[in-house]
Amino acid sequence: MKRFPLLLGLGLLALSSRAQTFTLKSSELGGQATARQFLNGNGCTGGNVSPQLSWENAPQGTQSFAVTMYDKDAPTGSGWWHWVVFNIPASATELKAGAGDVAKALAPAGSVQSVTDFGKPGYGGPCPPPGAPHQYLITVYALKSRLELDKTATPALVGFYLGQAALAQASLVVYGKR
């Protein structure tokens, strides 16, 4: 019987030492992008409102965050970047709905929204060609440093720097079709 408390204690220690998983969530998104998130232009009539996003359990040493939204199914040969925001302060755990509208200044102070494949900074919602649904990958990156880039940085350049600074990443996939 003396072994039971020892085994129980070791089991509890093992459970408590497990790291929590870095997780991205949205109170607005399910499996499909809605008209609220869709672009208003290029044949689409959406609200062009970036979704609310929140994250938890960032790894120790996180100095900033970045969020991207990418359509791998775009008929361009290289996909389509819908949103690129970086240097989100390490104290932040959320981007509010609409934070992708640069004019509204809803993103956390110090955040940088760089150009997308629409040619300007900020969020540009889904607007796939008619037909098959497109898959939109929304990713939050926990970074070991801030990125020494500005709002003119291309998505490819930001992606290169994200690869160098990422401690962890978490993603959501949503689909959009018209």
N, C-alpha and C. Protein backbone atom coordinates (compact mmCIF):
# COMPACT_ATOMS: atom_id res chain seq x y z
N MET A 1 0.81 -1.20 0.00
CA MET A 1 0.00 0.00 0.00
C MET A 1 0.86 1.26 0.00
N LYS A 2 2.09 1.16 0.38
CA LYS A 2 2.93 2.36 0.43
C LYS A 2 3.26 2.88 -0.97
N ARG A 3 3.16 2.03 -1.99
CA ARG A 3 3.46 2.46 -3.34
C ARG A 3 2.36 3.33 -3.93
N PHE A 4 1.14 3.16 -3.51
CA PHE A 4 0.01 3.88 -4.09
C PHE A 4 0.17 5.40 -4.03
N PRO A 5 0.51 6.00 -2.88
CA PRO A 5 0.69 7.46 -2.87
C PRO A 5 1.82 7.92 -3.79
N LEU A 6 2.89 7.13 -3.89
CA LEU A 6 4.00 7.49 -4.75
C LEU A 6 3.56 7.46 -6.22
N LEU A 7 2.85 6.41 -6.63
CA LEU A 7 2.38 6.31 -8.00
C LEU A 7 1.37 7.41 -8.32
N LEU A 8 0.48 7.69 -7.38
CA LEU A 8 -0.49 8.75 -7.58
C LEU A 8 0.22 10.10 -7.73
N GLY A 9 1.20 10.34 -6.90
CA GLY A 9 1.96 11.59 -6.97
C GLY A 9 2.70 11.73 -8.28
N LEU A 10 3.33 10.65 -8.77
CA LEU A 10 4.03 10.70 -10.05
C LEU A 10 3.05 10.94 -11.19
N GLY A 11 1.87 10.34 -11.14
CA GLY A 11 0.86 10.55 -12.17
C GLY A 11 0.38 11.98 -12.21
N LEU A 12 0.15 12.58 -11.06
CA LEU A 12 -0.28 13.98 -11.01
C LEU A 12 0.82 14.91 -11.50
N LEU A 13 2.07 14.59 -11.16
CA LEU A 13 3.20 15.39 -11.62
C LEU A 13 3.29 15.34 -13.15
N ALA A 14 3.11 14.17 -13.73
CA ALA A 14 3.16 14.02 -15.19
C ALA A 14 2.05 14.83 -15.85
N LEU A 15 0.86 14.80 -15.29
CA LEU A 15 -0.26 15.58 -15.86
C LEU A 15 -0.01 17.07 -15.77
N SER A 16 0.53 17.52 -14.65
CA SER A 16 0.73 18.96 -14.47
C SER A 16 1.91 19.49 -15.27
N SER A 17 2.84 18.61 -15.69
CA SER A 17 4.01 19.09 -16.41
C SER A 17 3.79 19.14 -17.91
N ARG A 18 2.66 18.65 -18.40
CA ARG A 18 2.37 18.71 -19.82
C ARG A 18 2.15 20.16 -20.24
N ALA A 19 2.79 20.53 -21.33
CA ALA A 19 2.61 21.90 -21.84
C ALA A 19 1.23 22.01 -22.48
N GLN A 20 0.62 23.16 -22.30
CA GLN A 20 -0.65 23.43 -22.96
C GLN A 20 -0.37 23.71 -24.43
N THR A 21 -1.29 23.37 -25.28
CA THR A 21 -1.14 23.54 -26.71
C THR A 21 -1.46 24.97 -27.12
N PHE A 22 -0.57 25.57 -27.89
CA PHE A 22 -0.80 26.89 -28.48
C PHE A 22 -2.00 26.75 -29.42
N THR A 23 -3.04 27.54 -29.20
CA THR A 23 -4.31 27.35 -29.88
C THR A 23 -4.85 28.66 -30.43
N LEU A 24 -5.40 28.61 -31.63
CA LEU A 24 -6.08 29.74 -32.26
C LEU A 24 -7.56 29.44 -32.31
N LYS A 25 -8.38 30.42 -31.94
CA LYS A 25 -9.84 30.26 -31.92
C LYS A 25 -10.49 31.50 -32.53
N SER A 26 -11.77 31.36 -32.87
CA SER A 26 -12.56 32.49 -33.33
C SER A 26 -13.98 32.32 -32.85
N SER A 27 -14.54 33.40 -32.31
CA SER A 27 -15.95 33.37 -31.89
C SER A 27 -16.87 33.57 -33.08
N GLU A 28 -16.31 33.93 -34.24
CA GLU A 28 -17.11 34.22 -35.43
C GLU A 28 -17.05 33.13 -36.50
N LEU A 29 -15.95 32.43 -36.56
CA LEU A 29 -15.75 31.49 -37.65
C LEU A 29 -16.08 30.07 -37.24
N GLY A 30 -16.75 29.38 -38.14
CA GLY A 30 -16.91 27.94 -38.05
C GLY A 30 -16.08 27.36 -39.18
N GLY A 31 -16.65 26.46 -39.93
CA GLY A 31 -15.93 25.88 -41.05
C GLY A 31 -16.04 26.68 -42.33
N GLN A 32 -16.94 27.69 -42.35
CA GLN A 32 -17.17 28.47 -43.57
C GLN A 32 -17.01 29.97 -43.29
N ALA A 33 -16.39 30.66 -44.23
CA ALA A 33 -16.38 32.12 -44.15
C ALA A 33 -17.81 32.59 -44.45
N THR A 34 -18.22 33.65 -43.78
CA THR A 34 -19.57 34.18 -43.98
C THR A 34 -19.53 35.43 -44.86
N ALA A 35 -20.69 35.90 -45.24
CA ALA A 35 -20.78 37.13 -46.04
C ALA A 35 -20.09 38.28 -45.32
N ARG A 36 -20.11 38.28 -44.00
CA ARG A 36 -19.44 39.33 -43.22
C ARG A 36 -17.95 39.39 -43.53
N GLN A 37 -17.30 38.25 -43.69
CA GLN A 37 -15.86 38.22 -43.96
C GLN A 37 -15.51 38.38 -45.44
N PHE A 38 -16.46 38.06 -46.34
CA PHE A 38 -16.18 38.11 -47.77
C PHE A 38 -15.85 39.53 -48.23
N LEU A 39 -15.04 39.62 -49.26
CA LEU A 39 -14.66 40.89 -49.88
C LEU A 39 -15.90 41.59 -50.44
N ASN A 40 -15.87 42.91 -50.45
CA ASN A 40 -16.89 43.68 -51.13
C ASN A 40 -16.21 44.29 -52.37
N GLY A 41 -16.24 43.54 -53.46
CA GLY A 41 -15.58 43.94 -54.70
C GLY A 41 -15.22 42.71 -55.51
N ASN A 42 -14.72 42.90 -56.72
CA ASN A 42 -14.33 41.79 -57.60
C ASN A 42 -15.45 40.78 -57.81
N GLY A 43 -16.70 41.25 -57.78
CA GLY A 43 -17.83 40.37 -57.98
C GLY A 43 -18.43 39.80 -56.70
N CYS A 44 -17.84 40.12 -55.56
CA CYS A 44 -18.36 39.66 -54.27
C CYS A 44 -19.02 40.84 -53.55
N THR A 45 -20.01 40.56 -52.74
CA THR A 45 -20.73 41.62 -52.03
C THR A 45 -20.75 41.35 -50.53
N GLY A 46 -19.60 41.16 -49.96
CA GLY A 46 -19.50 40.89 -48.53
C GLY A 46 -19.22 42.15 -47.73
N GLY A 47 -19.07 41.97 -46.43
CA GLY A 47 -18.79 43.07 -45.52
C GLY A 47 -17.31 43.41 -45.43
N ASN A 48 -16.43 42.51 -45.89
CA ASN A 48 -14.97 42.68 -45.81
C ASN A 48 -14.51 43.02 -44.39
N VAL A 49 -15.06 42.31 -43.41
CA VAL A 49 -14.70 42.51 -42.00
C VAL A 49 -13.81 41.34 -41.57
N SER A 50 -12.60 41.65 -41.13
CA SER A 50 -11.72 40.58 -40.65
C SER A 50 -12.34 39.91 -39.44
N PRO A 51 -12.16 38.60 -39.30
CA PRO A 51 -12.80 37.88 -38.20
C PRO A 51 -12.12 38.14 -36.86
N GLN A 52 -12.89 37.97 -35.80
CA GLN A 52 -12.33 37.99 -34.45
C GLN A 52 -11.47 36.74 -34.31
N LEU A 53 -10.29 36.91 -33.76
CA LEU A 53 -9.37 35.79 -33.51
C LEU A 53 -8.81 35.92 -32.11
N SER A 54 -8.63 34.79 -31.43
CA SER A 54 -7.97 34.81 -30.13
C SER A 54 -7.07 33.59 -30.02
N TRP A 55 -6.05 33.70 -29.20
CA TRP A 55 -5.10 32.61 -29.03
C TRP A 55 -4.76 32.49 -27.55
N GLU A 56 -4.27 31.29 -27.21
CA GLU A 56 -3.91 31.01 -25.82
C GLU A 56 -2.74 30.04 -25.78
N ASN A 57 -2.08 30.01 -24.64
CA ASN A 57 -0.98 29.10 -24.36
C ASN A 57 0.23 29.33 -25.26
N ALA A 58 0.59 30.58 -25.46
CA ALA A 58 1.79 30.89 -26.24
C ALA A 58 3.01 30.33 -25.51
N PRO A 59 4.00 29.90 -26.25
CA PRO A 59 5.18 29.33 -25.60
C PRO A 59 5.99 30.39 -24.85
N GLN A 60 6.70 29.91 -23.86
CA GLN A 60 7.58 30.79 -23.09
C GLN A 60 8.60 31.42 -24.04
N GLY A 61 8.89 32.67 -23.83
CA GLY A 61 9.84 33.39 -24.67
C GLY A 61 9.20 34.14 -25.81
N THR A 62 7.87 34.08 -25.94
CA THR A 62 7.19 34.81 -27.00
C THR A 62 7.37 36.31 -26.79
N GLN A 63 7.86 36.99 -27.82
CA GLN A 63 8.08 38.44 -27.77
C GLN A 63 7.07 39.22 -28.60
N SER A 64 6.43 38.55 -29.56
CA SER A 64 5.40 39.18 -30.38
C SER A 64 4.64 38.09 -31.12
N PHE A 65 3.57 38.51 -31.81
CA PHE A 65 2.77 37.59 -32.61
C PHE A 65 2.61 38.13 -34.01
N ALA A 66 2.25 37.25 -34.93
CA ALA A 66 1.88 37.62 -36.29
C ALA A 66 0.67 36.78 -36.67
N VAL A 67 -0.16 37.32 -37.56
CA VAL A 67 -1.32 36.61 -38.08
C VAL A 67 -1.31 36.75 -39.59
N THR A 68 -1.56 35.63 -40.28
CA THR A 68 -1.69 35.66 -41.73
C THR A 68 -2.96 34.92 -42.15
N MET A 69 -3.45 35.28 -43.33
CA MET A 69 -4.57 34.57 -43.95
C MET A 69 -4.18 34.33 -45.40
N TYR A 70 -4.20 33.05 -45.79
CA TYR A 70 -3.68 32.64 -47.09
C TYR A 70 -4.65 31.70 -47.79
N ASP A 71 -4.87 31.91 -49.09
CA ASP A 71 -5.70 31.06 -49.94
C ASP A 71 -4.79 30.27 -50.86
N LYS A 72 -4.57 29.01 -50.54
CA LYS A 72 -3.68 28.18 -51.36
C LYS A 72 -4.31 27.78 -52.69
N ASP A 73 -5.65 27.91 -52.77
CA ASP A 73 -6.37 27.47 -53.96
C ASP A 73 -6.54 28.56 -55.02
N ALA A 74 -6.07 29.77 -54.76
CA ALA A 74 -6.21 30.86 -55.73
C ALA A 74 -5.51 30.47 -57.03
N PRO A 75 -6.12 30.79 -58.16
CA PRO A 75 -5.56 30.37 -59.46
C PRO A 75 -4.43 31.29 -59.94
N THR A 76 -3.41 31.44 -59.10
CA THR A 76 -2.30 32.33 -59.43
C THR A 76 -0.98 31.60 -59.63
N GLY A 77 -0.92 30.37 -59.20
CA GLY A 77 0.35 29.64 -59.21
C GLY A 77 1.11 29.80 -57.91
N SER A 78 0.72 30.80 -57.11
CA SER A 78 1.41 31.02 -55.84
C SER A 78 0.45 31.32 -54.69
N GLY A 79 -0.83 31.05 -54.87
CA GLY A 79 -1.81 31.33 -53.81
C GLY A 79 -2.11 32.81 -53.73
N TRP A 80 -2.79 33.21 -52.64
CA TRP A 80 -3.18 34.61 -52.46
C TRP A 80 -3.15 34.96 -50.98
N TRP A 81 -2.42 36.01 -50.64
CA TRP A 81 -2.34 36.48 -49.25
C TRP A 81 -3.42 37.53 -49.02
N HIS A 82 -4.32 37.23 -48.09
CA HIS A 82 -5.46 38.09 -47.77
C HIS A 82 -5.20 39.02 -46.59
N TRP A 83 -4.27 38.63 -45.73
CA TRP A 83 -4.02 39.44 -44.53
C TRP A 83 -2.66 39.08 -43.96
N VAL A 84 -1.88 40.10 -43.62
CA VAL A 84 -0.57 39.92 -43.00
C VAL A 84 -0.43 41.00 -41.94
N VAL A 85 -0.39 40.60 -40.68
CA VAL A 85 -0.21 41.55 -39.57
C VAL A 85 0.84 40.96 -38.63
N PHE A 86 1.81 41.80 -38.24
CA PHE A 86 2.90 41.32 -37.39
C PHE A 86 3.26 42.37 -36.35
N ASN A 87 4.18 42.02 -35.48
CA ASN A 87 4.58 42.85 -34.34
C ASN A 87 3.40 43.14 -33.41
N ILE A 88 2.50 42.18 -33.33
CA ILE A 88 1.43 42.25 -32.34
C ILE A 88 2.10 42.04 -30.99
N PRO A 89 1.88 42.91 -30.02
CA PRO A 89 2.58 42.78 -28.73
C PRO A 89 2.35 41.42 -28.06
N ALA A 90 3.35 40.96 -27.35
CA ALA A 90 3.29 39.67 -26.65
C ALA A 90 2.17 39.64 -25.62
N SER A 91 1.73 40.79 -25.14
CA SER A 91 0.65 40.86 -24.15
C SER A 91 -0.73 40.65 -24.78
N ALA A 92 -0.82 40.73 -26.10
CA ALA A 92 -2.11 40.59 -26.79
C ALA A 92 -2.50 39.12 -26.90
N THR A 93 -3.80 38.86 -26.81
CA THR A 93 -4.32 37.51 -27.00
C THR A 93 -5.49 37.51 -27.97
N GLU A 94 -5.70 38.63 -28.67
CA GLU A 94 -6.86 38.72 -29.53
C GLU A 94 -6.69 39.80 -30.59
N LEU A 95 -7.31 39.55 -31.75
CA LEU A 95 -7.58 40.59 -32.73
C LEU A 95 -9.09 40.70 -32.79
N LYS A 96 -9.61 41.87 -32.54
CA LYS A 96 -11.06 42.08 -32.57
C LYS A 96 -11.56 42.01 -34.01
N ALA A 97 -12.84 41.68 -34.17
CA ALA A 97 -13.46 41.72 -35.49
C ALA A 97 -13.27 43.12 -36.06
N GLY A 98 -12.87 43.18 -37.31
CA GLY A 98 -12.65 44.48 -37.96
C GLY A 98 -11.26 45.03 -37.78
N ALA A 99 -10.39 44.36 -37.03
CA ALA A 99 -9.02 44.86 -36.81
C ALA A 99 -8.23 44.97 -38.10
N GLY A 100 -8.66 44.28 -39.14
CA GLY A 100 -7.97 44.34 -40.42
C GLY A 100 -8.24 45.60 -41.22
N ASP A 101 -9.15 46.44 -40.75
CA ASP A 101 -9.42 47.73 -41.38
C ASP A 101 -8.43 48.73 -40.77
N VAL A 102 -7.38 49.03 -41.51
CA VAL A 102 -6.29 49.88 -41.01
C VAL A 102 -6.82 51.23 -40.53
N ALA A 103 -7.81 51.78 -41.22
CA ALA A 103 -8.35 53.10 -40.88
C ALA A 103 -9.02 53.12 -39.52
N LYS A 104 -9.54 52.00 -39.06
CA LYS A 104 -10.23 51.95 -37.76
C LYS A 104 -9.27 51.81 -36.58
N ALA A 105 -8.02 51.46 -36.83
CA ALA A 105 -6.99 51.34 -35.79
C ALA A 105 -7.45 50.46 -34.62
N LEU A 106 -8.03 49.30 -34.94
CA LEU A 106 -8.48 48.36 -33.90
C LEU A 106 -7.43 47.32 -33.52
N ALA A 107 -6.40 47.18 -34.34
CA ALA A 107 -5.33 46.24 -34.02
C ALA A 107 -4.54 46.76 -32.82
N PRO A 108 -3.95 45.86 -32.02
CA PRO A 108 -3.19 46.32 -30.86
C PRO A 108 -2.09 47.32 -31.26
N ALA A 109 -1.86 48.29 -30.40
CA ALA A 109 -0.84 49.32 -30.65
C ALA A 109 0.51 48.66 -30.96
N GLY A 110 1.17 49.16 -31.97
CA GLY A 110 2.46 48.64 -32.37
C GLY A 110 2.39 47.59 -33.47
N SER A 111 1.20 47.07 -33.74
CA SER A 111 1.03 46.08 -34.80
C SER A 111 1.26 46.72 -36.16
N VAL A 112 1.77 45.94 -37.09
CA VAL A 112 1.99 46.41 -38.46
C VAL A 112 1.18 45.52 -39.39
N GLN A 113 0.33 46.14 -40.22
CA GLN A 113 -0.39 45.42 -41.25
C GLN A 113 0.29 45.76 -42.57
N SER A 114 0.91 44.75 -43.16
CA SER A 114 1.65 45.02 -44.40
C SER A 114 0.80 44.69 -45.61
N VAL A 115 1.37 44.96 -46.78
CA VAL A 115 0.63 44.77 -48.02
C VAL A 115 0.24 43.30 -48.20
N THR A 116 -0.88 43.12 -48.85
CA THR A 116 -1.36 41.79 -49.21
C THR A 116 -1.28 41.67 -50.73
N ASP A 117 -1.82 40.60 -51.25
CA ASP A 117 -1.84 40.46 -52.70
C ASP A 117 -2.87 41.38 -53.36
N PHE A 118 -3.65 42.10 -52.55
CA PHE A 118 -4.52 43.15 -53.08
C PHE A 118 -3.72 44.43 -53.34
N GLY A 119 -2.46 44.48 -52.88
CA GLY A 119 -1.59 45.62 -53.12
C GLY A 119 -1.65 46.70 -52.08
N LYS A 120 -2.34 46.46 -50.97
CA LYS A 120 -2.40 47.46 -49.90
C LYS A 120 -2.44 46.76 -48.55
N PRO A 121 -2.11 47.50 -47.50
CA PRO A 121 -2.13 46.91 -46.15
C PRO A 121 -3.56 46.66 -45.67
N GLY A 122 -3.69 45.71 -44.76
CA GLY A 122 -4.97 45.41 -44.15
C GLY A 122 -5.61 44.16 -44.73
N TYR A 123 -6.78 43.87 -44.22
CA TYR A 123 -7.52 42.67 -44.57
C TYR A 123 -8.27 42.84 -45.89
N GLY A 124 -8.21 41.81 -46.71
CA GLY A 124 -9.02 41.70 -47.92
C GLY A 124 -9.69 40.33 -47.88
N GLY A 125 -10.98 40.30 -47.78
CA GLY A 125 -11.71 39.06 -47.56
C GLY A 125 -11.71 38.11 -48.75
N PRO A 126 -12.22 36.89 -48.51
CA PRO A 126 -12.32 35.90 -49.57
C PRO A 126 -13.23 36.37 -50.70
N CYS A 127 -12.87 36.00 -51.91
CA CYS A 127 -13.70 36.23 -53.09
C CYS A 127 -13.22 35.27 -54.18
N PRO A 128 -13.42 33.97 -53.95
CA PRO A 128 -12.92 33.01 -54.93
C PRO A 128 -13.72 33.07 -56.22
N PRO A 129 -13.11 32.61 -57.31
CA PRO A 129 -13.88 32.52 -58.55
C PRO A 129 -15.05 31.56 -58.34
N PRO A 130 -16.14 31.73 -59.09
CA PRO A 130 -17.25 30.79 -58.96
C PRO A 130 -16.77 29.35 -59.21
N GLY A 131 -17.36 28.43 -58.47
CA GLY A 131 -16.99 27.02 -58.64
C GLY A 131 -16.65 26.37 -57.32
N ALA A 132 -15.55 25.65 -57.33
CA ALA A 132 -15.14 24.87 -56.15
C ALA A 132 -14.79 25.79 -54.98
N PRO A 133 -15.02 25.31 -53.75
CA PRO A 133 -14.64 26.12 -52.58
C PRO A 133 -13.13 26.28 -52.49
N HIS A 134 -12.73 27.38 -51.89
CA HIS A 134 -11.32 27.62 -51.60
C HIS A 134 -11.08 27.46 -50.11
N GLN A 135 -9.87 27.04 -49.80
CA GLN A 135 -9.46 26.82 -48.41
C GLN A 135 -8.62 28.02 -47.96
N TYR A 136 -9.05 28.64 -46.86
CA TYR A 136 -8.34 29.80 -46.32
C TYR A 136 -7.69 29.40 -45.01
N LEU A 137 -6.37 29.52 -44.96
CA LEU A 137 -5.59 29.14 -43.78
C LEU A 137 -5.27 30.40 -42.99
N ILE A 138 -5.80 30.48 -41.78
CA ILE A 138 -5.52 31.61 -40.89
C ILE A 138 -4.56 31.09 -39.82
N THR A 139 -3.42 31.73 -39.69
CA THR A 139 -2.37 31.24 -38.79
C THR A 139 -1.90 32.36 -37.87
N VAL A 140 -1.74 32.02 -36.60
CA VAL A 140 -1.09 32.92 -35.64
C VAL A 140 0.28 32.32 -35.34
N TYR A 141 1.29 33.16 -35.32
CA TYR A 141 2.66 32.77 -35.04
C TYR A 141 3.09 33.41 -33.73
N ALA A 142 3.66 32.61 -32.84
CA ALA A 142 4.32 33.13 -31.64
C ALA A 142 5.79 33.32 -32.04
N LEU A 143 6.31 34.53 -31.85
CA LEU A 143 7.64 34.87 -32.35
C LEU A 143 8.61 35.17 -31.23
N LYS A 144 9.87 34.81 -31.45
CA LYS A 144 10.91 35.07 -30.45
C LYS A 144 11.45 36.49 -30.52
N SER A 145 10.96 37.27 -31.49
CA SER A 145 11.38 38.67 -31.62
C SER A 145 10.35 39.41 -32.45
N ARG A 146 10.48 40.72 -32.45
CA ARG A 146 9.68 41.54 -33.36
C ARG A 146 10.33 41.44 -34.74
N LEU A 147 9.57 41.71 -35.79
CA LEU A 147 10.12 41.70 -37.14
C LEU A 147 10.53 43.12 -37.52
N GLU A 148 11.72 43.27 -38.02
CA GLU A 148 12.23 44.58 -38.42
C GLU A 148 11.80 44.88 -39.85
N LEU A 149 10.48 44.97 -40.03
CA LEU A 149 9.86 45.24 -41.32
C LEU A 149 8.80 46.32 -41.15
N ASP A 150 8.34 46.90 -42.26
CA ASP A 150 7.28 47.90 -42.18
C ASP A 150 6.10 47.50 -43.06
N LYS A 151 5.14 48.40 -43.21
CA LYS A 151 3.90 48.08 -43.93
C LYS A 151 4.09 47.87 -45.42
N THR A 152 5.28 48.15 -45.95
CA THR A 152 5.53 47.91 -47.37
C THR A 152 6.09 46.51 -47.63
N ALA A 153 6.35 45.75 -46.59
CA ALA A 153 6.91 44.41 -46.75
C ALA A 153 5.91 43.50 -47.47
N THR A 154 6.41 42.76 -48.44
CA THR A 154 5.55 41.83 -49.18
C THR A 154 5.25 40.59 -48.33
N PRO A 155 4.17 39.89 -48.63
CA PRO A 155 3.88 38.65 -47.89
C PRO A 155 5.02 37.64 -47.94
N ALA A 156 5.71 37.53 -49.08
CA ALA A 156 6.82 36.59 -49.18
C ALA A 156 7.96 36.98 -48.23
N LEU A 157 8.26 38.27 -48.15
CA LEU A 157 9.32 38.72 -47.24
C LEU A 157 8.92 38.50 -45.79
N VAL A 158 7.69 38.84 -45.44
CA VAL A 158 7.20 38.60 -44.08
C VAL A 158 7.28 37.10 -43.77
N GLY A 159 6.84 36.27 -44.71
CA GLY A 159 6.90 34.82 -44.52
C GLY A 159 8.31 34.33 -44.26
N PHE A 160 9.29 34.88 -44.96
CA PHE A 160 10.68 34.50 -44.73
C PHE A 160 11.09 34.83 -43.29
N TYR A 161 10.77 36.03 -42.84
CA TYR A 161 11.11 36.43 -41.47
C TYR A 161 10.34 35.62 -40.43
N LEU A 162 9.08 35.28 -40.73
CA LEU A 162 8.31 34.45 -39.80
C LEU A 162 8.98 33.10 -39.62
N GLY A 163 9.47 32.54 -40.70
CA GLY A 163 10.16 31.26 -40.62
C GLY A 163 11.39 31.31 -39.73
N GLN A 164 12.05 32.45 -39.67
CA GLN A 164 13.24 32.61 -38.84
C GLN A 164 12.91 32.85 -37.37
N ALA A 165 11.77 33.46 -37.10
CA ALA A 165 11.46 33.90 -35.73
C ALA A 165 10.38 33.07 -35.02
N ALA A 166 9.75 32.13 -35.70
CA ALA A 166 8.61 31.40 -35.12
C ALA A 166 9.05 30.43 -34.03
N LEU A 167 8.39 30.56 -32.88
CA LEU A 167 8.52 29.58 -31.81
C LEU A 167 7.44 28.51 -31.93
N ALA A 168 6.27 28.93 -32.38
CA ALA A 168 5.13 28.02 -32.55
C ALA A 168 4.12 28.69 -33.47
N GLN A 169 3.21 27.89 -34.00
CA GLN A 169 2.12 28.43 -34.80
C GLN A 169 0.88 27.58 -34.59
N ALA A 170 -0.27 28.23 -34.78
CA ALA A 170 -1.56 27.54 -34.67
C ALA A 170 -2.44 28.08 -35.78
N SER A 171 -3.29 27.22 -36.34
CA SER A 171 -4.08 27.61 -37.51
C SER A 171 -5.53 27.19 -37.41
N LEU A 172 -6.35 27.92 -38.16
CA LEU A 172 -7.75 27.56 -38.43
C LEU A 172 -7.89 27.49 -39.94
N VAL A 173 -8.73 26.59 -40.41
CA VAL A 173 -9.05 26.53 -41.82
C VAL A 173 -10.52 26.83 -41.99
N VAL A 174 -10.82 27.75 -42.88
CA VAL A 174 -12.21 28.03 -43.24
C VAL A 174 -12.32 27.93 -44.76
N TYR A 175 -13.51 27.63 -45.21
CA TYR A 175 -13.75 27.50 -46.64
C TYR A 175 -14.67 28.60 -47.12
N GLY A 176 -14.50 29.00 -48.35
CA GLY A 176 -15.36 30.00 -48.96
C GLY A 176 -15.68 29.60 -50.38
N LYS A 177 -16.92 29.81 -50.78
CA LYS A 177 -17.37 29.45 -52.11
C LYS A 177 -18.42 30.45 -52.59
N ARG A 178 -18.40 30.71 -53.87
CA ARG A 178 -19.50 31.48 -54.46
C ARG A 178 -19.92 30.87 -55.76
